Structures are given as C-alpha cells and as structure tokens.
C-alpha cells in the first residue's frame, strides 16, 4: 500500500543558514543521499533561507525519522565545517528539571 506524499519541514531555530548556496546544496544533496540509502523516493525538496521542506511517500512517523536523520547528519557536518553551533540550532531544554534534583 502506497502512502500519500507527505511534506515535512526542518527549520533553523535562528538565522538563515540556507541563504549560503554551499550550505543549501549540501542539505539538498543529503536529502537525496538519505533517500537513496533508505530506498525512499524524494518527491520534492524546497528551500528558503531558514528551512527545507521535503516531500516523500511515507507514513508520518517514517517522514519524521527521515527528517531526524537529515538533522543529525547536517548538524554534524555544519558544526565540523564551521565550528560552533549546529546548523539547525539547539532547542532549549524542556521537561528536564527532574534531572536537576
């Protein structure tokens, strides 16, 4: 059974990292590489200066896994290449107060 196409967006928490053509092309290439490696047909990739939207025919949880892998790979690449903060940013910790006790 084929799933309808799903669009899922990964957005930078600050700044416009995809305004840099080299960063944008690396992110788009990584989308296609993950698709090839996982046997997922990438229906479309759209970018703006602060986000990438991917359209794939997968269940919602599979689409989430796809974009999580994209985030992991591109964060590591960006931090290694440019040093410092990851490409997509680091969310503020939430619900972790119990670890402080």
PDB file of N, CA and C in Angstrom:
ATOM      1  N   UNK A   1       0.846  -1.178   0.000  1.00  0.00           N
ATOM      2  CA  UNK A   1       0.000   0.000   0.000  1.00  0.00           C
ATOM      3  C   UNK A   1       0.890   1.240   0.000  1.00  0.00           C
ATOM      4  N   UNK A   2       0.619   2.126  -0.922  1.00  0.00           N
ATOM      5  CA  UNK A   2       1.413   3.348  -1.038  1.00  0.00           C
ATOM      6  C   UNK A   2       0.813   4.455  -0.186  1.00  0.00           C
ATOM      7  N   UNK A   3       1.682   5.158   0.496  1.00  0.00           N
ATOM      8  CA  UNK A   3       1.258   6.292   1.325  1.00  0.00           C
ATOM      9  C   UNK A   3       1.126   7.531   0.442  1.00  0.00           C
ATOM     10  N   UNK A   4       0.215   8.438   0.795  1.00  0.00           N
ATOM     11  CA  UNK A   4       0.171   9.707   0.059  1.00  0.00           C
ATOM     12  C   UNK A   4       1.428  10.517   0.361  1.00  0.00           C
ATOM     13  N   UNK A   5       1.814  11.384  -0.561  1.00  0.00           N
ATOM     14  CA  UNK A   5       3.007  12.206  -0.295  1.00  0.00           C
ATOM     15  C   UNK A   5       2.852  13.029   0.980  1.00  0.00           C
ATOM     16  N   UNK A   6       3.916  13.090   1.763  1.00  0.00           N
ATOM     17  CA  UNK A   6       3.942  13.877   2.998  1.00  0.00           C
ATOM     18  C   UNK A   6       5.019  14.935   2.868  1.00  0.00           C
ATOM     19  N   UNK A   7       4.674  16.131   3.255  1.00  0.00           N
ATOM     20  CA  UNK A   7       5.664  17.211   3.291  1.00  0.00           C
ATOM     21  C   UNK A   7       6.040  17.434   4.745  1.00  0.00           C
ATOM     22  N   UNK A   8       7.327  17.454   5.009  1.00  0.00           N
ATOM     23  CA  UNK A   8       7.817  17.698   6.361  1.00  0.00           C
ATOM     24  C   UNK A   8       8.912  18.755   6.276  1.00  0.00           C
ATOM     25  N   UNK A   9       8.890  19.679   7.225  1.00  0.00           N
ATOM     26  CA  UNK A   9       9.795  20.829   7.186  1.00  0.00           C
ATOM     27  C   UNK A   9      10.751  20.813   8.366  1.00  0.00           C
ATOM     28  N   UNK A  10      11.995  21.107   8.077  1.00  0.00           N
ATOM     29  CA  UNK A  10      13.028  21.291   9.095  1.00  0.00           C
ATOM     30  C   UNK A  10      13.432  22.757   9.028  1.00  0.00           C
ATOM     31  N   UNK A  11      13.298  23.451  10.159  1.00  0.00           N
ATOM     32  CA  UNK A  11      13.525  24.898  10.198  1.00  0.00           C
ATOM     33  C   UNK A  11      14.637  25.231  11.174  1.00  0.00           C
ATOM     34  N   UNK A  12      15.499  26.158  10.788  1.00  0.00           N
ATOM     35  CA  UNK A  12      16.566  26.633  11.676  1.00  0.00           C
ATOM     36  C   UNK A  12      15.944  27.435  12.813  1.00  0.00           C
ATOM     37  N   UNK A  13      16.466  27.254  14.014  1.00  0.00           N
ATOM     38  CA  UNK A  13      15.947  27.986  15.165  1.00  0.00           C
ATOM     39  C   UNK A  13      16.343  29.454  15.139  1.00  0.00           C
ATOM     40  N   UNK A  14      17.435  29.768  14.467  1.00  0.00           N
ATOM     41  CA  UNK A  14      17.834  31.172  14.338  1.00  0.00           C
ATOM     42  C   UNK A  14      18.643  31.347  13.060  1.00  0.00           C
ATOM     43  N   UNK A  15      18.602  32.537  12.541  1.00  0.00           N
ATOM     44  CA  UNK A  15      19.392  32.852  11.361  1.00  0.00           C
ATOM     45  C   UNK A  15      18.822  32.269  10.080  1.00  0.00           C
ATOM     46  N   UNK A  16      19.601  32.413   9.016  1.00  0.00           N
ATOM     47  CA  UNK A  16      19.217  31.930   7.693  1.00  0.00           C
ATOM     48  C   UNK A  16      20.377  31.144   7.078  1.00  0.00           C
ATOM     49  N   UNK A  17      20.686  29.976   7.636  1.00  0.00           N
ATOM     50  CA  UNK A  17      21.857  29.235   7.175  1.00  0.00           C
ATOM     51  C   UNK A  17      21.767  28.760   5.727  1.00  0.00           C
ATOM     52  N   UNK A  18      20.553  28.560   5.213  1.00  0.00           N
ATOM     53  CA  UNK A  18      20.427  28.069   3.842  1.00  0.00           C
ATOM     54  C   UNK A  18      20.508  29.191   2.808  1.00  0.00           C
ATOM     55  N   UNK A  19      20.724  30.418   3.257  1.00  0.00           N
ATOM     56  CA  UNK A  19      20.971  31.519   2.324  1.00  0.00           C
ATOM     57  C   UNK A  19      22.328  31.336   1.642  1.00  0.00           C
ATOM     58  N   UNK A  20      23.234  30.612   2.297  1.00  0.00           N
ATOM     59  CA  UNK A  20      24.549  30.299   1.725  1.00  0.00           C
ATOM     60  C   UNK A  20      24.356  29.168   0.704  1.00  0.00           C
ATOM     61  N   UNK A  21      24.654  29.404  -0.579  1.00  0.00           N
ATOM     62  CA  UNK A  21      24.438  28.380  -1.604  1.00  0.00           C
ATOM     63  C   UNK A  21      25.157  27.058  -1.321  1.00  0.00           C
ATOM     64  N   UNK A  22      26.340  27.103  -0.739  1.00  0.00           N
ATOM     65  CA  UNK A  22      27.082  25.871  -0.440  1.00  0.00           C
ATOM     66  C   UNK A  22      26.371  25.053   0.631  1.00  0.00           C
ATOM     67  N   UNK A  23      25.866  25.715   1.649  1.00  0.00           N
ATOM     68  CA  UNK A  23      25.139  25.016   2.717  1.00  0.00           C
ATOM     69  C   UNK A  23      23.845  24.441   2.154  1.00  0.00           C
ATOM     70  N   UNK A  24      23.131  25.248   1.390  1.00  0.00           N
ATOM     71  CA  UNK A  24      21.863  24.805   0.804  1.00  0.00           C
ATOM     72  C   UNK A  24      22.071  23.586  -0.090  1.00  0.00           C
ATOM     73  N   UNK A  25      23.086  23.619  -0.954  1.00  0.00           N
ATOM     74  CA  UNK A  25      23.307  22.483  -1.856  1.00  0.00           C
ATOM     75  C   UNK A  25      23.717  21.234  -1.089  1.00  0.00           C
ATOM     76  N   UNK A  26      24.460  21.395   0.002  1.00  0.00           N
ATOM     77  CA  UNK A  26      24.828  20.243   0.827  1.00  0.00           C
ATOM     78  C   UNK A  26      23.591  19.623   1.478  1.00  0.00           C
ATOM     79  N   UNK A  27      22.694  20.458   1.979  1.00  0.00           N
ATOM     80  CA  UNK A  27      21.469  19.952   2.604  1.00  0.00           C
ATOM     81  C   UNK A  27      20.618  19.211   1.570  1.00  0.00           C
ATOM     82  N   UNK A  28      20.446  19.791   0.394  1.00  0.00           N
ATOM     83  CA  UNK A  28      19.648  19.147  -0.657  1.00  0.00           C
ATOM     84  C   UNK A  28      20.299  17.836  -1.091  1.00  0.00           C
ATOM     85  N   UNK A  29      21.608  17.819  -1.256  1.00  0.00           N
ATOM     86  CA  UNK A  29      22.309  16.586  -1.625  1.00  0.00           C
ATOM     87  C   UNK A  29      22.143  15.521  -0.547  1.00  0.00           C
ATOM     88  N   UNK A  30      22.155  15.934   0.706  1.00  0.00           N
ATOM     89  CA  UNK A  30      21.984  14.985   1.810  1.00  0.00           C
ATOM     90  C   UNK A  30      20.581  14.402   1.808  1.00  0.00           C
ATOM     91  N   UNK A  31      19.579  15.211   1.495  1.00  0.00           N
ATOM     92  CA  UNK A  31      18.203  14.701   1.375  1.00  0.00           C
ATOM     93  C   UNK A  31      18.169  13.562   0.362  1.00  0.00           C
ATOM     94  N   UNK A  32      18.752  13.791  -0.807  1.00  0.00           N
ATOM     95  CA  UNK A  32      18.737  12.771  -1.857  1.00  0.00           C
ATOM     96  C   UNK A  32      19.575  11.549  -1.476  1.00  0.00           C
ATOM     97  N   UNK A  33      20.681  11.762  -0.789  1.00  0.00           N
ATOM     98  CA  UNK A  33      21.523  10.638  -0.357  1.00  0.00           C
ATOM     99  C   UNK A  33      20.790   9.759   0.652  1.00  0.00           C
ATOM    100  N   UNK A  34      20.097  10.369   1.596  1.00  0.00           N
ATOM    101  CA  UNK A  34      19.322   9.588   2.573  1.00  0.00           C
ATOM    102  C   UNK A  34      18.233   8.813   1.840  1.00  0.00           C
ATOM    103  N   UNK A  35      17.562   9.469   0.899  1.00  0.00           N
ATOM    104  CA  UNK A  35      16.528   8.790   0.122  1.00  0.00           C
ATOM    105  C   UNK A  35      17.071   7.577  -0.612  1.00  0.00           C
ATOM    106  N   UNK A  36      18.212   7.735  -1.275  1.00  0.00           N
ATOM    107  CA  UNK A  36      18.826   6.607  -1.989  1.00  0.00           C
ATOM    108  C   UNK A  36      19.213   5.489  -1.037  1.00  0.00           C
ATOM    109  N   UNK A  37      19.823   5.859   0.084  1.00  0.00           N
ATOM    110  CA  UNK A  37      20.288   4.857   1.044  1.00  0.00           C
ATOM    111  C   UNK A  37      19.128   4.084   1.660  1.00  0.00           C
ATOM    112  N   UNK A  38      18.005   4.765   1.893  1.00  0.00           N
ATOM    113  CA  UNK A  38      16.867   4.133   2.559  1.00  0.00           C
ATOM    114  C   UNK A  38      15.802   3.624   1.583  1.00  0.00           C
ATOM    115  N   UNK A  39      16.011   3.818   0.301  1.00  0.00           N
ATOM    116  CA  UNK A  39      15.021   3.380  -0.682  1.00  0.00           C
ATOM    117  C   UNK A  39      13.754   4.222  -0.659  1.00  0.00           C
ATOM    118  N   UNK A  40      13.899   5.494  -0.358  1.00  0.00           N
ATOM    119  CA  UNK A  40      12.768   6.419  -0.281  1.00  0.00           C
ATOM    120  C   UNK A  40      12.822   7.347  -1.494  1.00  0.00           C
ATOM    121  N   UNK A  41      11.736   7.401  -2.237  1.00  0.00           N
ATOM    122  CA  UNK A  41      11.668   8.318  -3.367  1.00  0.00           C
ATOM    123  C   UNK A  41      11.371   9.714  -2.831  1.00  0.00           C
ATOM    124  N   UNK A  42      12.265  10.635  -3.122  1.00  0.00           N
ATOM    125  CA  UNK A  42      12.077  12.029  -2.714  1.00  0.00           C
ATOM    126  C   UNK A  42      11.272  12.705  -3.822  1.00  0.00           C
ATOM    127  N   UNK A  43      10.032  13.041  -3.504  1.00  0.00           N
ATOM    128  CA  UNK A  43       9.131  13.664  -4.477  1.00  0.00           C
ATOM    129  C   UNK A  43       9.500  15.118  -4.740  1.00  0.00           C
ATOM    130  N   UNK A  44      10.026  15.786  -3.709  1.00  0.00           N
ATOM    131  CA  UNK A  44      10.381  17.188  -3.882  1.00  0.00           C
ATOM    132  C   UNK A  44      11.184  17.716  -2.714  1.00  0.00           C
ATOM    133  N   UNK A  45      11.973  18.738  -2.993  1.00  0.00           N
ATOM    134  CA  UNK A  45      12.747  19.437  -1.962  1.00  0.00           C
ATOM    135  C   UNK A  45      12.613  20.925  -2.253  1.00  0.00           C
ATOM    136  N   UNK A  46      12.138  21.666  -1.272  1.00  0.00           N
ATOM    137  CA  UNK A  46      12.033  23.116  -1.401  1.00  0.00           C
ATOM    138  C   UNK A  46      12.823  23.750  -0.265  1.00  0.00           C
ATOM    139  N   UNK A  47      13.534  24.818  -0.580  1.00  0.00           N
ATOM    140  CA  UNK A  47      14.308  25.510   0.451  1.00  0.00           C
ATOM    141  C   UNK A  47      13.960  26.990   0.475  1.00  0.00           C
ATOM    142  N   UNK A  48      14.107  27.561   1.647  1.00  0.00           N
ATOM    143  CA  UNK A  48      14.093  29.004   1.846  1.00  0.00           C
ATOM    144  C   UNK A  48      15.357  29.279   2.651  1.00  0.00           C
ATOM    145  N   UNK A  49      15.686  30.519   2.935  1.00  0.00           N
ATOM    146  CA  UNK A  49      16.912  30.781   3.685  1.00  0.00           C
ATOM    147  C   UNK A  49      16.973  30.137   5.069  1.00  0.00           C
ATOM    148  N   UNK A  50      15.819  29.775   5.656  1.00  0.00           N
ATOM    149  CA  UNK A  50      15.866  29.201   7.006  1.00  0.00           C
ATOM    150  C   UNK A  50      15.185  27.842   7.138  1.00  0.00           C
ATOM    151  N   UNK A  51      14.807  27.219   6.025  1.00  0.00           N
ATOM    152  CA  UNK A  51      14.136  25.918   6.147  1.00  0.00           C
ATOM    153  C   UNK A  51      14.256  25.080   4.889  1.00  0.00           C
ATOM    154  N   UNK A  52      14.036  23.787   5.070  1.00  0.00           N
ATOM    155  CA  UNK A  52      13.948  22.860   3.949  1.00  0.00           C
ATOM    156  C   UNK A  52      12.661  22.053   4.149  1.00  0.00           C
ATOM    157  N   UNK A  53      11.904  21.888   3.071  1.00  0.00           N
ATOM    158  CA  UNK A  53      10.691  21.082   3.101  1.00  0.00           C
ATOM    159  C   UNK A  53      10.878  19.933   2.125  1.00  0.00           C
ATOM    160  N   UNK A  54      10.650  18.725   2.628  1.00  0.00           N
ATOM    161  CA  UNK A  54      10.862  17.506   1.855  1.00  0.00           C
ATOM    162  C   UNK A  54       9.514  16.831   1.665  1.00  0.00           C
ATOM    163  N   UNK A  55       9.242  16.360   0.457  1.00  0.00           N
ATOM    164  CA  UNK A  55       8.017  15.619   0.189  1.00  0.00           C
ATOM    165  C   UNK A  55       8.398  14.192  -0.182  1.00  0.00           C
ATOM    166  N   UNK A  56       7.878  13.238   0.601  1.00  0.00           N
ATOM    167  CA  UNK A  56       8.144  11.815   0.383  1.00  0.00           C
ATOM    168  C   UNK A  56       6.850  11.031   0.597  1.00  0.00           C
ATOM    169  N   UNK A  57       6.768   9.850   0.001  1.00  0.00           N
ATOM    170  CA  UNK A  57       5.613   8.978   0.185  1.00  0.00           C
ATOM    171  C   UNK A  57       5.907   8.004   1.317  1.00  0.00           C
ATOM    172  N   UNK A  58       5.649   8.440   2.523  1.00  0.00           N
ATOM    173  CA  UNK A  58       5.889   7.627   3.712  1.00  0.00           C
ATOM    174  C   UNK A  58       4.854   7.969   4.768  1.00  0.00           C
ATOM    175  N   UNK A  59       4.742   7.112   5.768  1.00  0.00           N
ATOM    176  CA  UNK A  59       3.857   7.391   6.893  1.00  0.00           C
ATOM    177  C   UNK A  59       4.405   8.592   7.660  1.00  0.00           C
ATOM    178  N   UNK A  60       3.584   9.221   8.482  1.00  0.00           N
ATOM    179  CA  UNK A  60       4.083  10.364   9.257  1.00  0.00           C
ATOM    180  C   UNK A  60       5.297  10.023  10.120  1.00  0.00           C
ATOM    181  N   UNK A  61       5.309   8.861  10.744  1.00  0.00           N
ATOM    182  CA  UNK A  61       6.441   8.503  11.613  1.00  0.00           C
ATOM    183  C   UNK A  61       7.698   8.249  10.784  1.00  0.00           C
ATOM    184  N   UNK A  62       7.542   7.663   9.597  1.00  0.00           N
ATOM    185  CA  UNK A  62       8.701   7.463   8.725  1.00  0.00           C
ATOM    186  C   UNK A  62       9.242   8.800   8.211  1.00  0.00           C
ATOM    187  N   UNK A  63       8.344   9.728   7.896  1.00  0.00           N
ATOM    188  CA  UNK A  63       8.773  11.061   7.460  1.00  0.00           C
ATOM    189  C   UNK A  63       9.528  11.771   8.577  1.00  0.00           C
ATOM    190  N   UNK A  64       9.053  11.609   9.800  1.00  0.00           N
ATOM    191  CA  UNK A  64       9.738  12.206  10.950  1.00  0.00           C
ATOM    192  C   UNK A  64      11.131  11.600  11.117  1.00  0.00           C
ATOM    193  N   UNK A  65      11.236  10.288  10.963  1.00  0.00           N
ATOM    194  CA  UNK A  65      12.538   9.630  11.038  1.00  0.00           C
ATOM    195  C   UNK A  65      13.484  10.109   9.949  1.00  0.00           C
ATOM    196  N   UNK A  66      12.955  10.324   8.758  1.00  0.00           N
ATOM    197  CA  UNK A  66      13.763  10.817   7.642  1.00  0.00           C
ATOM    198  C   UNK A  66      14.353  12.179   7.972  1.00  0.00           C
ATOM    199  N   UNK A  67      13.506  13.085   8.442  1.00  0.00           N
ATOM    200  CA  UNK A  67      13.985  14.438   8.731  1.00  0.00           C
ATOM    201  C   UNK A  67      14.881  14.458   9.972  1.00  0.00           C
ATOM    202  N   UNK A  68      14.668  13.541  10.907  1.00  0.00           N
ATOM    203  CA  UNK A  68      15.565  13.447  12.068  1.00  0.00           C
ATOM    204  C   UNK A  68      16.965  13.026  11.622  1.00  0.00           C
ATOM    205  N   UNK A  69      17.028  12.102  10.674  1.00  0.00           N
ATOM    206  CA  UNK A  69      18.326  11.684  10.132  1.00  0.00           C
ATOM    207  C   UNK A  69      18.988  12.837   9.377  1.00  0.00           C
ATOM    208  N   UNK A  70      18.198  13.582   8.620  1.00  0.00           N
ATOM    209  CA  UNK A  70      18.732  14.755   7.921  1.00  0.00           C
ATOM    210  C   UNK A  70      19.297  15.758   8.920  1.00  0.00           C
ATOM    211  N   UNK A  71      18.579  15.999   9.992  1.00  0.00           N
ATOM    212  CA  UNK A  71      19.032  16.949  11.016  1.00  0.00           C
ATOM    213  C   UNK A  71      20.342  16.479  11.648  1.00  0.00           C
ATOM    214  N   UNK A  72      20.403  15.194  11.990  1.00  0.00           N
ATOM    215  CA  UNK A  72      21.598  14.644  12.636  1.00  0.00           C
ATOM    216  C   UNK A  72      22.828  14.785  11.738  1.00  0.00           C
ATOM    217  N   UNK A  73      22.689  14.366  10.494  1.00  0.00           N
ATOM    218  CA  UNK A  73      23.824  14.384   9.565  1.00  0.00           C
ATOM    219  C   UNK A  73      24.272  15.813   9.258  1.00  0.00           C
ATOM    220  N   UNK A  74      23.324  16.686   8.947  1.00  0.00           N
ATOM    221  CA  UNK A  74      23.703  18.044   8.553  1.00  0.00           C
ATOM    222  C   UNK A  74      24.179  18.880   9.733  1.00  0.00           C
ATOM    223  N   UNK A  75      23.646  18.627  10.933  1.00  0.00           N
ATOM    224  CA  UNK A  75      24.173  19.318  12.121  1.00  0.00           C
ATOM    225  C   UNK A  75      25.642  18.969  12.334  1.00  0.00           C
ATOM    226  N   UNK A  76      25.969  17.680  12.226  1.00  0.00           N
ATOM    227  CA  UNK A  76      27.352  17.235  12.429  1.00  0.00           C
ATOM    228  C   UNK A  76      28.274  17.827  11.357  1.00  0.00           C
ATOM    229  N   UNK A  77      27.832  17.804  10.110  1.00  0.00           N
ATOM    230  CA  UNK A  77      28.639  18.373   9.023  1.00  0.00           C
ATOM    231  C   UNK A  77      28.885  19.862   9.248  1.00  0.00           C
ATOM    232  N   UNK A  78      27.834  20.592   9.542  1.00  0.00           N
ATOM    233  CA  UNK A  78      27.927  22.047   9.702  1.00  0.00           C
ATOM    234  C   UNK A  78      28.828  22.423  10.877  1.00  0.00           C
ATOM    235  N   UNK A  79      28.641  21.746  12.009  1.00  0.00           N
ATOM    236  CA  UNK A  79      29.468  22.036  13.191  1.00  0.00           C
ATOM    237  C   UNK A  79      30.939  21.723  12.900  1.00  0.00           C
ATOM    238  N   UNK A  80      31.197  20.633  12.180  1.00  0.00           N
ATOM    239  CA  UNK A  80      32.569  20.276  11.836  1.00  0.00           C
ATOM    240  C   UNK A  80      33.203  21.239  10.845  1.00  0.00           C
ATOM    241  N   UNK A  81      32.434  21.707   9.901  1.00  0.00           N
ATOM    242  CA  UNK A  81      32.964  22.597   8.863  1.00  0.00           C
ATOM    243  C   UNK A  81      33.136  24.028   9.358  1.00  0.00           C
ATOM    244  N   UNK A  82      32.156  24.526  10.103  1.00  0.00           N
ATOM    245  CA  UNK A  82      32.163  25.930  10.504  1.00  0.00           C
ATOM    246  C   UNK A  82      32.450  26.136  11.987  1.00  0.00           C
ATOM    247  N   UNK A  83      32.495  25.061  12.758  1.00  0.00           N
ATOM    248  CA  UNK A  83      32.732  25.166  14.199  1.00  0.00           C
ATOM    249  C   UNK A  83      31.543  25.796  14.908  1.00  0.00           C
ATOM    250  N   UNK A  84      31.442  25.529  16.176  1.00  0.00           N
ATOM    251  CA  UNK A  84      30.382  26.161  16.962  1.00  0.00           C
ATOM    252  C   UNK A  84      29.041  25.478  16.863  1.00  0.00           C
ATOM    253  N   UNK A  85      28.015  26.297  16.748  1.00  0.00           N
ATOM    254  CA  UNK A  85      26.628  25.832  16.830  1.00  0.00           C
ATOM    255  C   UNK A  85      26.245  24.935  15.655  1.00  0.00           C
ATOM    256  N   UNK A  86      25.320  24.009  15.880  1.00  0.00           N
ATOM    257  CA  UNK A  86      24.833  23.163  14.797  1.00  0.00           C
ATOM    258  C   UNK A  86      23.962  23.960  13.817  1.00  0.00           C
ATOM    259  N   UNK A  87      23.817  23.453  12.621  1.00  0.00           N
ATOM    260  CA  UNK A  87      23.072  24.112  11.552  1.00  0.00           C
ATOM    261  C   UNK A  87      21.653  24.487  11.959  1.00  0.00           C
ATOM    262  N   UNK A  88      20.949  23.565  12.552  1.00  0.00           N
ATOM    263  CA  UNK A  88      19.533  23.781  12.854  1.00  0.00           C
ATOM    264  C   UNK A  88      19.313  24.372  14.237  1.00  0.00           C
ATOM    265  N   UNK A  89      20.363  24.534  15.012  1.00  0.00           N
ATOM    266  CA  UNK A  89      20.242  25.097  16.355  1.00  0.00           C
ATOM    267  C   UNK A  89      20.010  24.016  17.392  1.00  0.00           C
ATOM    268  N   UNK A  90      20.086  24.420  18.632  1.00  0.00           N
ATOM    269  CA  UNK A  90      19.853  23.512  19.752  1.00  0.00           C
ATOM    270  C   UNK A  90      18.655  24.028  20.533  1.00  0.00           C
ATOM    271  N   UNK A  91      17.579  23.238  20.605  1.00  0.00           N
ATOM    272  CA  UNK A  91      16.404  23.706  21.333  1.00  0.00           C
ATOM    273  C   UNK A  91      16.683  23.822  22.822  1.00  0.00           C
ATOM    274  N   UNK A  92      15.991  24.741  23.449  1.00  0.00           N
ATOM    275  CA  UNK A  92      16.099  24.891  24.900  1.00  0.00           C
ATOM    276  C   UNK A  92      15.574  23.627  25.563  1.00  0.00           C
ATOM    277  N   UNK A  93      16.233  23.194  26.629  1.00  0.00           N
ATOM    278  CA  UNK A  93      15.779  22.005  27.344  1.00  0.00           C
ATOM    279  C   UNK A  93      14.407  22.235  27.956  1.00  0.00           C
ATOM    280  N   UNK A  94      13.529  21.277  27.765  1.00  0.00           N
ATOM    281  CA  UNK A  94      12.194  21.357  28.338  1.00  0.00           C
ATOM    282  C   UNK A  94      11.885  20.052  29.024  1.00  0.00           C
ATOM    283  N   UNK A  95      11.271  20.144  30.170  1.00  0.00           N
ATOM    284  CA  UNK A  95      10.860  18.935  30.858  1.00  0.00           C
ATOM    285  C   UNK A  95      12.005  18.134  31.442  1.00  0.00           C
ATOM    286  N   UNK A  96      13.147  18.736  31.613  1.00  0.00           N
ATOM    287  CA  UNK A  96      14.320  18.028  32.109  1.00  0.00           C
ATOM    288  C   UNK A  96      14.647  18.416  33.552  1.00  0.00           C
ATOM    289  N   UNK A  97      13.758  19.187  34.166  1.00  0.00           N
ATOM    290  CA  UNK A  97      14.033  19.682  35.513  1.00  0.00           C
ATOM    291  C   UNK A  97      14.263  18.553  36.516  1.00  0.00           C
ATOM    292  N   UNK A  98      13.597  17.421  36.292  1.00  0.00           N
ATOM    293  CA  UNK A  98      13.725  16.309  37.221  1.00  0.00           C
ATOM    294  C   UNK A  98      15.167  15.816  37.311  1.00  0.00           C
ATOM    295  N   UNK A  99      15.956  16.011  36.268  1.00  0.00           N
ATOM    296  CA  UNK A  99      17.354  15.580  36.286  1.00  0.00           C
ATOM    297  C   UNK A  99      18.204  16.462  37.198  1.00  0.00           C
ATOM    298  N   UNK A 100      17.722  17.658  37.489  1.00  0.00           N
ATOM    299  CA  UNK A 100      18.457  18.607  38.318  1.00  0.00           C
ATOM    300  C   UNK A 100      18.316  18.309  39.807  1.00  0.00           C
ATOM    301  N   UNK A 101      17.327  17.527  40.179  1.00  0.00           N
ATOM    302  CA  UNK A 101      17.042  17.279  41.602  1.00  0.00           C
ATOM    303  C   UNK A 101      18.006  16.311  42.215  1.00  0.00           C
TER     304      UNK A 101
END
